[in-house]
């Protein structure tokens, strides 16, 4: 298990408490597969194994988004162990769509309608 010769990406965005952050995502090679690793404050996030580093990076993005992280973007800073600095462009990942709020049930709509009707009939 080694990260030698693996890529490294800088990951930036907003965490689940809407605080800005920027941390490296490293990769661990296990046989012919890769696992993405991120350390952020007291949290350590690791993906499952994937056939490529790019697939592990995308899985990391999706995992973080499922935990409430938003506005995520990455920039490759090492390629096969070679330092790239900030030569590479940032790649932005669109936030998943927000879940629509549940519609009120029939009884809640009826009560709301009754309340609105009582306000219309009250003297001003």
N, C-alpha and C. Protein backbone atom coordinates (compact mmCIF):
# COMPACT_ATOMS: atom_id res chain seq x y z
N UNK A 1 0.84 -1.17 0.00
CA UNK A 1 0.00 0.00 0.00
C UNK A 1 0.89 1.23 0.00
N UNK A 2 0.85 1.97 -1.10
CA UNK A 2 1.74 3.10 -1.22
C UNK A 2 1.10 4.18 -2.06
N UNK A 3 1.45 5.45 -1.74
CA UNK A 3 0.99 6.56 -2.53
C UNK A 3 2.07 7.06 -3.48
N UNK A 4 3.22 6.36 -3.51
CA UNK A 4 4.31 6.78 -4.38
C UNK A 4 3.87 6.74 -5.83
N UNK A 5 4.15 7.83 -6.55
CA UNK A 5 3.79 7.90 -7.96
C UNK A 5 2.32 8.20 -8.20
N UNK A 6 1.58 8.42 -7.16
CA UNK A 6 0.16 8.74 -7.31
C UNK A 6 -0.02 10.24 -7.49
N UNK A 7 -1.20 10.60 -7.99
CA UNK A 7 -1.55 12.01 -8.14
C UNK A 7 -1.97 12.58 -6.79
N UNK A 8 -2.02 13.89 -6.73
CA UNK A 8 -2.55 14.59 -5.56
C UNK A 8 -3.34 15.78 -6.10
N UNK A 9 -4.51 16.00 -5.53
CA UNK A 9 -5.36 17.11 -5.95
C UNK A 9 -5.63 18.01 -4.76
N UNK A 10 -5.71 19.30 -5.00
CA UNK A 10 -6.17 20.24 -3.98
C UNK A 10 -7.69 20.32 -4.13
N UNK A 11 -8.41 20.15 -3.04
CA UNK A 11 -9.87 20.18 -3.03
C UNK A 11 -10.32 21.38 -2.21
N UNK A 12 -11.16 22.21 -2.79
CA UNK A 12 -11.65 23.40 -2.09
C UNK A 12 -13.17 23.46 -2.22
N UNK A 13 -13.79 24.16 -1.28
CA UNK A 13 -15.23 24.33 -1.32
C UNK A 13 -15.76 24.76 0.04
N UNK A 14 -17.03 24.45 0.27
CA UNK A 14 -17.69 24.74 1.53
C UNK A 14 -18.00 23.44 2.23
N UNK A 15 -17.68 23.35 3.54
CA UNK A 15 -17.96 22.13 4.27
C UNK A 15 -19.44 22.08 4.68
N UNK A 16 -19.79 21.07 5.44
CA UNK A 16 -21.20 20.88 5.82
C UNK A 16 -21.70 21.95 6.78
N UNK A 17 -20.80 22.78 7.31
CA UNK A 17 -21.20 23.91 8.16
C UNK A 17 -21.03 25.24 7.43
N UNK A 18 -20.90 25.16 6.09
CA UNK A 18 -20.78 26.30 5.18
C UNK A 18 -19.54 27.15 5.49
N UNK A 19 -18.45 26.48 5.83
CA UNK A 19 -17.16 27.14 6.04
C UNK A 19 -16.25 26.78 4.88
N UNK A 20 -15.52 27.76 4.38
CA UNK A 20 -14.59 27.50 3.30
C UNK A 20 -13.43 26.61 3.76
N UNK A 21 -12.97 25.74 2.88
CA UNK A 21 -11.82 24.89 3.21
C UNK A 21 -11.04 24.57 1.95
N UNK A 22 -9.80 24.17 2.12
CA UNK A 22 -8.95 23.72 1.04
C UNK A 22 -7.99 22.69 1.63
N UNK A 23 -8.03 21.47 1.11
CA UNK A 23 -7.21 20.37 1.62
C UNK A 23 -6.75 19.49 0.45
N UNK A 24 -5.63 18.79 0.62
CA UNK A 24 -5.20 17.86 -0.42
C UNK A 24 -5.99 16.54 -0.36
N UNK A 25 -6.27 16.00 -1.53
CA UNK A 25 -6.79 14.65 -1.65
C UNK A 25 -5.64 13.81 -2.17
N UNK A 26 -5.29 12.80 -1.41
CA UNK A 26 -4.21 11.90 -1.80
C UNK A 26 -4.80 10.57 -2.22
N UNK A 27 -4.00 9.76 -2.86
CA UNK A 27 -4.46 8.45 -3.31
C UNK A 27 -3.54 7.37 -2.76
N UNK A 28 -4.16 6.27 -2.42
CA UNK A 28 -3.44 5.11 -1.92
C UNK A 28 -3.64 4.01 -2.95
N UNK A 29 -2.54 3.42 -3.37
CA UNK A 29 -2.62 2.33 -4.33
C UNK A 29 -2.68 1.01 -3.57
N UNK A 30 -3.67 0.20 -3.91
CA UNK A 30 -3.85 -1.11 -3.30
C UNK A 30 -3.93 -2.11 -4.45
N UNK A 31 -2.84 -2.81 -4.70
CA UNK A 31 -2.80 -3.70 -5.86
C UNK A 31 -2.91 -2.86 -7.13
N UNK A 32 -3.93 -3.15 -7.93
CA UNK A 32 -4.16 -2.39 -9.16
C UNK A 32 -5.26 -1.34 -8.99
N UNK A 33 -5.69 -1.09 -7.76
CA UNK A 33 -6.79 -0.17 -7.48
C UNK A 33 -6.31 1.03 -6.67
N UNK A 34 -7.19 2.03 -6.57
CA UNK A 34 -6.86 3.26 -5.85
C UNK A 34 -7.99 3.64 -4.90
N UNK A 35 -7.59 4.24 -3.81
CA UNK A 35 -8.52 4.76 -2.81
C UNK A 35 -8.18 6.24 -2.60
N UNK A 36 -9.20 7.11 -2.60
CA UNK A 36 -9.00 8.52 -2.32
C UNK A 36 -9.02 8.76 -0.81
N UNK A 37 -8.14 9.63 -0.33
CA UNK A 37 -8.04 9.93 1.10
C UNK A 37 -8.06 11.44 1.32
N UNK A 38 -8.87 11.87 2.26
CA UNK A 38 -8.96 13.29 2.62
C UNK A 38 -8.96 13.40 4.13
N UNK A 39 -8.14 14.30 4.64
CA UNK A 39 -8.14 14.61 6.07
C UNK A 39 -8.55 16.06 6.21
N UNK A 40 -9.61 16.28 6.99
CA UNK A 40 -10.11 17.63 7.20
C UNK A 40 -10.54 17.76 8.65
N UNK A 41 -9.83 18.58 9.40
CA UNK A 41 -10.04 18.72 10.83
C UNK A 41 -9.96 17.34 11.46
N UNK A 42 -10.97 16.93 12.22
CA UNK A 42 -10.93 15.62 12.88
C UNK A 42 -11.49 14.51 12.01
N UNK A 43 -11.87 14.85 10.77
CA UNK A 43 -12.52 13.89 9.88
C UNK A 43 -11.49 13.29 8.92
N UNK A 44 -11.57 11.99 8.75
CA UNK A 44 -10.77 11.29 7.73
C UNK A 44 -11.75 10.59 6.82
N UNK A 45 -11.72 10.93 5.55
CA UNK A 45 -12.64 10.34 4.57
C UNK A 45 -11.82 9.49 3.61
N UNK A 46 -12.28 8.26 3.40
CA UNK A 46 -11.63 7.34 2.45
C UNK A 46 -12.70 6.74 1.56
N UNK A 47 -12.40 6.66 0.28
CA UNK A 47 -13.34 6.04 -0.66
C UNK A 47 -13.12 4.53 -0.69
N UNK A 48 -14.02 3.86 -1.35
CA UNK A 48 -13.81 2.45 -1.68
C UNK A 48 -12.69 2.38 -2.72
N UNK A 49 -12.31 1.18 -3.12
CA UNK A 49 -11.28 1.01 -4.14
C UNK A 49 -11.89 1.17 -5.53
N UNK A 50 -11.12 1.85 -6.43
CA UNK A 50 -11.55 2.08 -7.80
C UNK A 50 -10.40 1.77 -8.74
N UNK A 51 -10.71 1.46 -10.01
CA UNK A 51 -9.65 1.09 -10.95
C UNK A 51 -8.72 2.25 -11.33
N UNK A 52 -9.20 3.51 -11.19
CA UNK A 52 -8.37 4.67 -11.55
C UNK A 52 -8.43 5.72 -10.44
N UNK A 53 -7.42 6.59 -10.46
CA UNK A 53 -7.41 7.70 -9.50
C UNK A 53 -8.55 8.68 -9.80
N UNK A 54 -8.85 8.88 -11.08
CA UNK A 54 -9.94 9.79 -11.44
C UNK A 54 -11.28 9.28 -10.91
N UNK A 55 -11.51 7.98 -10.98
CA UNK A 55 -12.76 7.40 -10.47
C UNK A 55 -12.82 7.54 -8.95
N UNK A 56 -11.69 7.37 -8.28
CA UNK A 56 -11.66 7.53 -6.82
C UNK A 56 -11.90 9.00 -6.44
N UNK A 57 -11.37 9.93 -7.23
CA UNK A 57 -11.59 11.36 -6.96
C UNK A 57 -13.07 11.71 -7.12
N UNK A 58 -13.69 11.24 -8.19
CA UNK A 58 -15.12 11.50 -8.40
C UNK A 58 -15.96 10.90 -7.27
N UNK A 59 -15.59 9.72 -6.81
CA UNK A 59 -16.30 9.09 -5.69
C UNK A 59 -16.13 9.94 -4.42
N UNK A 60 -14.95 10.53 -4.22
CA UNK A 60 -14.71 11.40 -3.07
C UNK A 60 -15.64 12.62 -3.14
N UNK A 61 -15.74 13.22 -4.32
CA UNK A 61 -16.61 14.39 -4.51
C UNK A 61 -18.05 14.01 -4.18
N UNK A 62 -18.53 12.90 -4.72
CA UNK A 62 -19.91 12.47 -4.48
C UNK A 62 -20.15 12.15 -3.01
N UNK A 63 -19.18 11.55 -2.36
CA UNK A 63 -19.30 11.23 -0.94
C UNK A 63 -19.42 12.50 -0.10
N UNK A 64 -18.56 13.48 -0.40
CA UNK A 64 -18.61 14.74 0.34
C UNK A 64 -19.92 15.49 0.07
N UNK A 65 -20.36 15.48 -1.18
CA UNK A 65 -21.63 16.14 -1.49
C UNK A 65 -22.79 15.48 -0.74
N UNK A 66 -22.74 14.17 -0.58
CA UNK A 66 -23.81 13.48 0.15
C UNK A 66 -23.79 13.86 1.63
N UNK A 67 -22.66 14.39 2.10
CA UNK A 67 -22.53 14.82 3.50
C UNK A 67 -22.76 16.33 3.67
N UNK A 68 -23.19 16.99 2.60
CA UNK A 68 -23.53 18.41 2.69
C UNK A 68 -22.46 19.37 2.23
N UNK A 69 -21.35 18.89 1.69
CA UNK A 69 -20.30 19.77 1.18
C UNK A 69 -20.75 20.32 -0.17
N UNK A 70 -20.45 21.60 -0.43
CA UNK A 70 -20.93 22.25 -1.65
C UNK A 70 -19.82 23.08 -2.29
N UNK A 71 -20.09 23.49 -3.54
CA UNK A 71 -19.18 24.33 -4.33
C UNK A 71 -17.78 23.73 -4.41
N UNK A 72 -17.73 22.42 -4.62
CA UNK A 72 -16.44 21.72 -4.63
C UNK A 72 -15.72 21.91 -5.96
N UNK A 73 -14.41 22.04 -5.85
CA UNK A 73 -13.56 22.12 -7.04
C UNK A 73 -12.21 21.52 -6.70
N UNK A 74 -11.53 20.99 -7.73
CA UNK A 74 -10.22 20.38 -7.53
C UNK A 74 -9.22 20.93 -8.53
N UNK A 75 -7.96 20.85 -8.13
CA UNK A 75 -6.85 21.20 -9.01
C UNK A 75 -5.75 20.17 -8.78
N UNK A 76 -5.30 19.54 -9.86
CA UNK A 76 -4.23 18.55 -9.73
C UNK A 76 -2.93 19.28 -9.40
N UNK A 77 -2.29 18.87 -8.29
CA UNK A 77 -1.04 19.52 -7.88
C UNK A 77 0.17 18.61 -8.05
N UNK A 78 -0.04 17.30 -8.08
CA UNK A 78 1.02 16.32 -8.35
C UNK A 78 0.49 15.32 -9.38
N UNK A 79 1.31 14.97 -10.33
CA UNK A 79 0.96 13.95 -11.32
C UNK A 79 2.07 12.91 -11.34
N UNK A 80 1.73 11.68 -10.98
CA UNK A 80 2.73 10.61 -10.88
C UNK A 80 3.92 11.03 -10.02
N UNK A 81 3.65 11.77 -8.95
CA UNK A 81 4.70 12.18 -8.03
C UNK A 81 5.42 13.45 -8.46
N UNK A 82 5.14 14.00 -9.65
CA UNK A 82 5.79 15.20 -10.16
C UNK A 82 4.97 16.43 -9.76
N UNK A 83 5.60 17.40 -9.09
CA UNK A 83 4.92 18.60 -8.63
C UNK A 83 4.55 19.49 -9.80
N UNK A 84 3.27 19.88 -9.86
CA UNK A 84 2.78 20.73 -10.95
C UNK A 84 2.56 22.17 -10.53
N UNK A 85 2.61 22.44 -9.23
CA UNK A 85 2.31 23.79 -8.77
C UNK A 85 0.85 24.10 -9.06
N UNK A 86 0.60 25.26 -9.62
CA UNK A 86 -0.78 25.63 -9.96
C UNK A 86 -0.97 25.73 -11.47
N UNK A 87 -0.25 24.88 -12.21
CA UNK A 87 -0.33 24.89 -13.67
C UNK A 87 -1.68 24.39 -14.19
N UNK A 88 -2.25 23.45 -13.49
CA UNK A 88 -3.50 22.84 -13.95
C UNK A 88 -4.70 23.74 -13.64
N UNK A 89 -5.72 23.65 -14.47
CA UNK A 89 -6.94 24.41 -14.23
C UNK A 89 -7.77 23.76 -13.13
N UNK A 90 -8.57 24.56 -12.45
CA UNK A 90 -9.50 24.04 -11.45
C UNK A 90 -10.66 23.39 -12.18
N UNK A 91 -11.12 22.27 -11.64
CA UNK A 91 -12.30 21.57 -12.16
C UNK A 91 -13.41 21.75 -11.13
N UNK A 92 -14.53 22.33 -11.56
CA UNK A 92 -15.65 22.56 -10.66
C UNK A 92 -16.68 21.45 -10.81
N UNK A 93 -17.27 21.06 -9.69
CA UNK A 93 -18.27 19.99 -9.66
C UNK A 93 -19.61 20.60 -9.26
N UNK A 94 -20.61 20.50 -10.14
CA UNK A 94 -21.91 21.10 -9.79
C UNK A 94 -22.51 20.44 -8.55
N UNK A 95 -23.13 21.27 -7.72
CA UNK A 95 -23.81 20.75 -6.54
C UNK A 95 -24.99 19.91 -6.98
N UNK A 96 -25.29 18.86 -6.22
CA UNK A 96 -26.49 18.08 -6.55
C UNK A 96 -27.73 18.94 -6.33
N UNK A 97 -28.81 18.65 -7.04
CA UNK A 97 -30.02 19.45 -6.86
C UNK A 97 -30.54 19.30 -5.44
N UNK A 98 -31.07 20.41 -4.93
CA UNK A 98 -31.66 20.40 -3.59
C UNK A 98 -32.94 19.55 -3.62
N UNK A 99 -33.17 18.79 -2.57
CA UNK A 99 -34.39 18.01 -2.47
C UNK A 99 -35.56 18.97 -2.30
N UNK A 100 -36.62 18.73 -3.06
CA UNK A 100 -37.79 19.59 -2.94
C UNK A 100 -38.49 19.29 -1.63
N UNK A 101 -38.99 20.35 -0.97
CA UNK A 101 -39.70 20.11 0.29
C UNK A 101 -40.95 19.29 0.03
N UNK A 102 -41.28 18.46 1.00
CA UNK A 102 -42.47 17.63 0.84
C UNK A 102 -43.70 18.51 0.79
N UNK A 103 -44.61 18.14 -0.08
CA UNK A 103 -45.86 18.90 -0.18
C UNK A 103 -46.73 18.56 1.03
N UNK A 104 -47.43 19.55 1.47
CA UNK A 104 -48.33 19.34 2.60
C UNK A 104 -49.43 18.36 2.20
N UNK A 105 -49.81 17.52 3.14
CA UNK A 105 -50.88 16.56 2.90
C UNK A 105 -52.23 17.26 2.79
N UNK A 106 -53.25 16.50 2.45
CA UNK A 106 -54.59 17.04 2.24
C UNK A 106 -55.09 17.78 3.48
N UNK A 107 -54.91 17.19 4.66
CA UNK A 107 -55.41 17.80 5.88
C UNK A 107 -54.71 19.13 6.16
N UNK A 108 -53.39 19.19 5.95
CA UNK A 108 -52.66 20.44 6.17
C UNK A 108 -53.12 21.51 5.19
N UNK A 109 -53.37 21.16 3.93
CA UNK A 109 -53.86 22.13 2.95
C UNK A 109 -55.25 22.62 3.33
N UNK A 110 -56.11 21.70 3.81
CA UNK A 110 -57.47 22.06 4.20
C UNK A 110 -57.44 23.03 5.39
N UNK A 111 -56.60 22.74 6.39
CA UNK A 111 -56.49 23.63 7.54
C UNK A 111 -55.96 24.99 7.13
N UNK A 112 -54.98 25.03 6.23
CA UNK A 112 -54.44 26.29 5.75
C UNK A 112 -55.52 27.08 5.02
N UNK A 113 -56.31 26.42 4.19
CA UNK A 113 -57.39 27.08 3.45
C UNK A 113 -58.43 27.64 4.41
N UNK A 114 -58.77 26.85 5.47
CA UNK A 114 -59.75 27.30 6.46
C UNK A 114 -59.24 28.54 7.20
N UNK A 115 -57.94 28.54 7.55
CA UNK A 115 -57.36 29.70 8.24
C UNK A 115 -57.41 30.93 7.36
N UNK A 116 -57.10 30.76 6.08
CA UNK A 116 -57.14 31.90 5.16
C UNK A 116 -58.56 32.42 5.03
N UNK A 117 -59.53 31.53 4.98
CA UNK A 117 -60.92 31.92 4.85
C UNK A 117 -61.41 32.66 6.07
N UNK A 118 -60.96 32.26 7.27
CA UNK A 118 -61.41 32.92 8.49
C UNK A 118 -60.85 34.34 8.57
N UNK A 119 -59.66 34.57 7.99
CA UNK A 119 -59.08 35.91 8.00
C UNK A 119 -59.83 36.83 7.04
N UNK A 120 -60.33 36.28 5.95
CA UNK A 120 -61.07 37.09 4.98
C UNK A 120 -62.42 37.51 5.54
N UNK A 121 -63.02 36.68 6.38
CA UNK A 121 -64.34 36.96 6.90
C UNK A 121 -64.33 37.79 8.19
N UNK A 122 -63.15 38.03 8.75
CA UNK A 122 -63.10 38.79 10.00
C UNK A 122 -63.22 40.29 9.70
N UNK A 123 -63.90 41.02 10.60
CA UNK A 123 -64.06 42.47 10.38
C UNK A 123 -62.73 43.18 10.54
N UNK A 124 -62.52 44.22 9.78
CA UNK A 124 -61.26 44.97 9.81
C UNK A 124 -61.29 46.10 10.77
